C-alpha cells in the first residue's frame, strides 16, 4: 500500500503546493474578519480551521502542519486576535495537528473518496481538540485557577458545534468543486478495481 502512494508523491509539484499553502495562510488570516473578530462568533464558526484542513488535504501533511502552526501566531501578532497567550499558542498546536493528521491520513488513503475524507477529517478534529486541551493544561495548569474539564468540553465541542457542522458540509463540497478543476482527485464513492484490493 505504501508503494502505491510513492508514485503519487513524486508527481507533486512543490512550487504549486507552496503557492497554495501561502494562499491558505492568507485566507486564514483574513477569514475571521467575516465574524467581525468577535471571539464568541469565532469560537462558534472556527474560521481558521477550514483553510488549514483544506491545506492538509490538498498540499499534504507537511504544509498543513506548517500553515496550521504559523497561522494563529501570525494573526495574533498582526491583528492582535486571538490573544497571543494562551489562546494563539494553544491554537498553534491545535491547528498544526489538524493539518498534519488530515493530510497524512487522507493522502495515504487508497481511495480519494467521501469516506476517506470524512474519516480523515473526524480523526483530525478529535486529535486537534485533544492536543488543544493538553496545550491549555500545560500553559494554564489544572484546577479552578487553570484549565478545567468543563472548559475543555465547552471550548472543544459545545461552542464549536456550528463550526464542526460547517466544516463537515463545506469542505467536502469544496473538494467536489476542485475535483472538476483537476486540482484534486476526489469522488463521492470508493472505486473498486478488479481483484487488486489488498
Protein backbone atom coordinates (compact mmCIF):
# COMPACT_ATOMS: atom_id res chain seq x y z
CA UNK A 1 0.00 0.00 0.00
CA UNK A 2 2.88 2.35 0.75
CA UNK A 3 4.37 1.58 -2.67
CA UNK A 4 1.14 2.68 -4.30
CA UNK A 5 1.47 6.10 -2.68
CA UNK A 6 5.08 6.73 -3.73
CA UNK A 7 4.40 7.45 -7.41
CA UNK A 8 1.72 9.97 -6.45
CA UNK A 9 4.18 11.72 -4.12
CA UNK A 10 6.76 12.03 -6.91
CA UNK A 11 4.26 13.79 -9.13
CA UNK A 12 3.59 16.50 -6.56
CA UNK A 13 4.62 19.99 -7.60
CA UNK A 14 6.37 21.67 -4.63
CA UNK A 15 6.02 25.12 -6.18
CA UNK A 16 2.28 24.65 -6.56
CA UNK A 17 2.00 23.27 -3.01
CA UNK A 18 3.95 26.21 -1.61
CA UNK A 19 1.83 28.69 -3.56
CA UNK A 20 -1.41 27.07 -2.43
CA UNK A 21 -0.17 26.96 1.16
CA UNK A 22 0.56 30.69 1.07
CA UNK A 23 -2.94 31.25 -0.29
CA UNK A 24 -4.50 29.15 2.50
CA UNK A 25 -2.45 31.07 5.06
CA UNK A 26 -3.68 34.39 3.65
CA UNK A 27 -7.29 33.15 3.65
CA UNK A 28 -6.92 32.02 7.25
CA UNK A 29 -5.55 35.40 8.29
CA UNK A 30 -8.44 37.35 6.79
CA UNK A 31 -11.38 34.94 7.09
CA UNK A 32 -12.01 35.78 10.78
CA UNK A 33 -12.86 39.34 9.70
CA UNK A 34 -16.12 37.86 8.40
CA UNK A 35 -17.05 37.15 12.01
CA UNK A 36 -16.24 40.75 12.96
CA UNK A 37 -13.30 39.47 15.03
CA UNK A 38 -15.85 38.78 17.76
CA UNK A 39 -14.37 35.98 19.84
CA UNK A 40 -17.69 34.32 20.68
CA UNK A 41 -18.67 34.08 17.00
CA UNK A 42 -15.19 32.96 16.04
CA UNK A 43 -15.33 30.20 18.66
CA UNK A 44 -18.59 29.01 17.11
CA UNK A 45 -17.69 29.14 13.41
CA UNK A 46 -13.94 28.35 13.64
CA UNK A 47 -12.97 30.33 10.52
CA UNK A 48 -9.25 29.48 10.68
CA UNK A 49 -9.86 25.73 10.76
CA UNK A 50 -11.21 25.44 7.22
CA UNK A 51 -8.14 26.73 5.31
CA UNK A 52 -5.81 24.64 7.49
CA UNK A 53 -7.76 21.43 6.84
CA UNK A 54 -8.01 22.26 3.14
CA UNK A 55 -4.25 22.87 3.04
CA UNK A 56 -3.54 19.48 4.62
CA UNK A 57 -5.91 17.73 2.22
CA UNK A 58 -4.62 19.36 -0.96
CA UNK A 59 -0.95 20.12 -0.24
CA UNK A 60 -0.10 17.34 2.21
CA UNK A 61 0.68 16.98 5.90
CA UNK A 62 3.94 18.98 5.91
CA UNK A 63 2.25 22.09 4.54
CA UNK A 64 -0.85 21.56 6.65
CA UNK A 65 1.25 21.31 9.78
CA UNK A 66 3.30 24.40 8.93
CA UNK A 67 0.36 26.59 7.93
CA UNK A 68 -1.65 25.43 10.94
CA UNK A 69 1.13 26.28 13.38
CA UNK A 70 2.02 29.66 11.91
CA UNK A 71 -1.49 30.97 11.23
CA UNK A 72 -2.79 31.78 14.76
CA UNK A 73 0.60 33.08 15.93
CA UNK A 74 1.00 35.37 12.91
CA UNK A 75 -2.60 36.54 13.12
CA UNK A 76 -2.16 37.37 16.79
CA UNK A 77 0.99 39.38 16.07
CA UNK A 78 -0.52 41.25 13.11
CA UNK A 79 -4.16 41.72 14.15
CA UNK A 80 -3.98 41.10 17.94
CA UNK A 81 -6.59 38.33 17.63
CA UNK A 82 -6.58 35.73 19.02
CA UNK A 83 -4.81 36.86 22.18
CA UNK A 84 -1.25 35.55 21.94
CA UNK A 85 -1.07 33.86 25.35
CA UNK A 86 -2.56 31.41 25.94
CA UNK A 87 -5.08 31.38 23.04
CA UNK A 88 -2.86 31.73 19.97
CA UNK A 89 -0.16 29.47 21.40
CA UNK A 90 -2.63 26.67 22.19
CA UNK A 91 -4.34 27.16 18.82
CA UNK A 92 -1.00 26.84 17.02
CA UNK A 93 -0.61 23.29 18.30
CA UNK A 94 -4.29 22.54 17.68
CA UNK A 95 -4.33 23.75 14.06
CA UNK A 96 -0.96 22.16 13.33
CA UNK A 97 -2.46 18.85 14.44
CA UNK A 98 -5.47 19.31 12.15
CA UNK A 99 -3.26 19.99 9.14
CA UNK A 100 -0.84 17.18 9.96
CA UNK A 101 -3.37 14.44 10.74
CA UNK A 102 -5.86 15.16 7.95
CA UNK A 103 -3.08 15.49 5.39
CA UNK A 104 -1.31 12.31 6.49
CA UNK A 105 -4.43 10.15 6.65
CA UNK A 106 -6.16 11.42 3.51
CA UNK A 107 -3.14 11.45 1.22
CA UNK A 108 -2.26 7.90 2.29
CA UNK A 109 -5.80 6.68 1.67
CA UNK A 110 -6.06 4.24 -1.18
CA UNK A 111 -9.25 5.87 -2.48
CA UNK A 112 -9.76 9.62 -2.55
CA UNK A 113 -13.46 9.40 -1.80
CA UNK A 114 -16.02 10.85 0.60
CA UNK A 115 -15.50 8.01 3.08
CA UNK A 116 -11.74 8.62 3.24
CA UNK A 117 -12.32 12.34 3.52
CA UNK A 118 -14.76 12.14 6.42
CA UNK A 119 -12.67 9.53 8.22
CA UNK A 120 -9.58 11.73 7.94
CA UNK A 121 -11.43 14.88 8.98
CA UNK A 122 -13.13 13.36 12.02
CA UNK A 123 -9.92 11.78 13.33
CA UNK A 124 -8.08 15.06 12.75
CA UNK A 125 -10.80 17.04 14.56
CA UNK A 126 -10.65 14.77 17.59
CA UNK A 127 -6.84 14.72 17.65
CA UNK A 128 -6.64 18.50 17.32
CA UNK A 129 -9.02 19.05 20.20
CA UNK A 130 -7.10 16.66 22.43
CA UNK A 131 -3.84 18.47 21.60
CA UNK A 132 -5.53 21.83 22.28
CA UNK A 133 -6.68 20.57 25.68
CA UNK A 134 -3.20 19.29 26.55
CA UNK A 135 -1.64 22.60 25.43
CA UNK A 136 -4.08 24.57 27.59
CA UNK A 137 -3.26 22.41 30.60
CA UNK A 138 0.48 22.91 30.07
CA UNK A 139 0.03 26.66 29.67
CA UNK A 140 -2.53 27.29 32.43
CA UNK A 141 -2.34 24.29 34.71
CA UNK A 142 -5.27 22.32 36.10
CA UNK A 143 -7.87 23.27 38.67
CA UNK A 144 -10.18 26.18 39.38
CA UNK A 145 -7.49 28.74 38.59
CA UNK A 146 -6.38 26.91 35.47
CA UNK A 147 -7.91 24.76 32.77
CA UNK A 148 -10.85 22.57 33.71
CA UNK A 149 -12.68 19.62 32.15
CA UNK A 150 -15.74 21.85 31.72
CA UNK A 151 -13.67 24.42 29.80
CA UNK A 152 -12.39 21.65 27.54
CA UNK A 153 -15.86 20.29 26.72
CA UNK A 154 -17.28 23.77 26.20
CA UNK A 155 -14.44 25.04 24.02
CA UNK A 156 -13.78 21.88 22.05
CA UNK A 157 -17.32 20.67 21.39
CA UNK A 158 -20.28 22.66 22.73
CA UNK A 159 -19.35 26.14 21.49
CA UNK A 160 -17.62 24.71 18.41
CA UNK A 161 -20.57 22.59 17.23
CA UNK A 162 -21.75 25.04 14.50
CA UNK A 163 -18.20 25.27 13.15
CA UNK A 164 -17.81 21.49 13.13
CA UNK A 165 -21.04 21.10 11.11
CA UNK A 166 -19.91 23.86 8.74
CA UNK A 167 -16.60 22.09 8.12
CA UNK A 168 -18.26 18.72 7.52
CA UNK A 169 -20.53 20.28 4.87
CA UNK A 170 -18.32 22.94 3.27
CA UNK A 171 -15.02 21.06 2.89
CA UNK A 172 -16.42 18.01 1.01
CA UNK A 173 -18.40 20.39 -1.22
CA UNK A 174 -15.22 22.32 -1.99
CA UNK A 175 -13.35 19.10 -2.74
CA UNK A 176 -16.03 18.16 -5.28
CA UNK A 177 -15.72 21.58 -6.94
CA UNK A 178 -11.91 21.37 -7.00
CA UNK A 179 -12.13 17.87 -8.47
CA UNK A 180 -13.84 19.37 -11.51
CA UNK A 181 -10.98 21.81 -11.96
CA UNK A 182 -8.45 18.96 -11.85
CA UNK A 183 -6.66 20.44 -8.84
CA UNK A 184 -7.54 17.43 -6.68
CA UNK A 185 -8.67 13.88 -7.35
CA UNK A 186 -11.86 13.26 -5.44
CA UNK A 187 -15.01 11.21 -5.91
CA UNK A 188 -18.17 10.56 -3.97
CA UNK A 189 -17.66 6.81 -3.94
CA UNK A 190 -14.86 4.30 -3.45
CA UNK A 191 -13.62 2.91 -6.75
CA UNK A 192 -13.39 -0.85 -6.98
CA UNK A 193 -10.66 -2.15 -9.29
CA UNK A 194 -10.90 -5.89 -10.03
CA UNK A 195 -9.03 -8.01 -7.52
CA UNK A 196 -6.26 -5.51 -6.77
CA UNK A 197 -7.61 -4.89 -3.28
CA UNK A 198 -5.19 -5.96 -0.54
